[in-house]
């Protein structure tokens, strides 16, 4: 009651006995009510100040914790920088010493090669001279013997004189080389053998067929002596061009001293090169085996379509192109293919270890609408893929099927679980047919050795609710040995992710595609369940807060790389609002601050700020 009420009561009660006491009581009651109201206001202010104090204390403790972490990291980084500088100085010193050593070694090697080449040339010249003298002496002796016999016998008995040229022509005939006998069986052909670094050469040298003057016999001590190359492709074997080459099958440092007889002759058009024999492979220099080896070396650099086109050249090329060594890794991407092509590939892919099918489409018929094309090409490659997977069998270790909408569905994962039991790496990403719980269950029953699994749906996904927490729980239950996993979708919640990281204790790489926002509370729950061995963390189209990144870094001691690839549309449903742009820019600035300070060298940002800049 106020003063006016008290004065009114006083006027009404004036003249009555005890009216003064009543007036005083009313006055005191009004004053008491006023003081009570002031006390209540003071209590509210006190409660507000208490809350502000608690918030400030919590913020202060958080900043102190971040400061201590930053100080520890700065100390570690300073220590690492000092160690790296020491290692760099040591490596530079070693590089300088190694460069000096290599320069000295190169000079010594060049000098040694030159001296060895001159020595070998001198030996070969001496061998040629000695053989020429021997042949001349034998010719003179044969002539004297023939003249003496012609005097003592009648003129009808004639013995031909073996001249220098006649001997050489006779010695190169197949009969002479096979029997080794001279004329009348009385002459055994002499041999001139020169051993060069363990190689044995047998030379038939004549004045008209000597080595060309001015051309060294030991061009580079191990390289082909014919600039046009050797057809047979072997090292230190005889080719039809008349040169000695080094066999690539034996290696640069392997030498052979127990070779068969080698005949060196200059290249002449009238020479029958079909009789030339490789002493190491014991086959003609134009043998199919040597040609096939050369073709396989060339075909190894061709892609699948070029290799299939090369197989249509001739029968020999087709046989070479089907060799299993050329189909160890098969990649089909950015092209139109049919099921018939996959069936054709199955004939060659019995030892394939890696199969990649990326961004494939089916040929579209003329005058066909989009709906008809979609309906006619639904799963059209799965029959051919089944034949191909059946042919690869247990040899297939890696399967990658990405961005093949409509023509390949999640049934290809089920086919892989049936035929490829040794599969270790599986990547299946589709926007039209993401994997579901039943497919993951079948895959877990068939392929138990998978260590790398990428099954995140492509965005935007036509069936966003198909991949969810149930799939994450099955993945953790079927493959607890996973080291790398990529999941995503709006159906993936914190419960499914927590179950996954709890089951996969040795997880080293985690990729999240299009998952709900990862806040500090989500990061705390995931780190509490697992992620002790995490080294790589990637967020693709997944909103994440800077505090969550800082928490991951503080709790995952082995974390070496964090990738954040987001845009403003990942954080807000209405990205055109000014408030959305302002909050997104604040988040980006905080991430960039972390990237330049605490998470330097670890955090990698790929941000789409075009729409944000337009809004400003």
Foldseek 3Di string as FASTA:
>chain_A
DAPVVLVVQLVVCPPPPPSVVVSVVVHVVVVVVVVVVVVVVVVVVVVVVVVVVVVVVVVVVVVVVVVVLQVVLVVVVVVVVVVVVVVVVVVVVVVVVVVVVVVVVVVVVVVVQVVLLVVLQVVVVVLVVVVVVVLVVVQVVQVVVQVVVPVVDDVVDHDDRCHQVNQLVVCPDPVCVVPQADPPRPDRDDWRWDARPQATATEDDDPVWHDDPPQGLCNRPAAKSDPVDAQLQAAQWAGQQQIGGHGPVQDRPDHHNPFDYDYGTHHDPVDDQQPGATRVVRHRSNDLVSVLVVLLVVLLPDADVVLVVQLPPDVSSVVSSLALVSQQEHEAEDEADALVVLQVVLSRPLQHAYYAYYHYEHDDDPPDDPVRRLVVQQLRNVVSLLSNLQSNFQNHAEYAAYNYPRNHALVSLLSCLVGHQNYAEYAHEEQEHADALVSLLSNLVRHQRHQAEERAYDPPHPCQQRDALSNLLSVLVSHLCHQYYEYEGARYDLVSLLNNQLSNQNHAEYHYAHYEECELVSLVSNLVRHLQNYAEYEYHLHHYALNSVVSNPVRHVNHQAYEYAHELVSVDVDCLDLVSLVVVVVRVVSLVVCCVRVCPNHYDYHYDCPSSVVSD
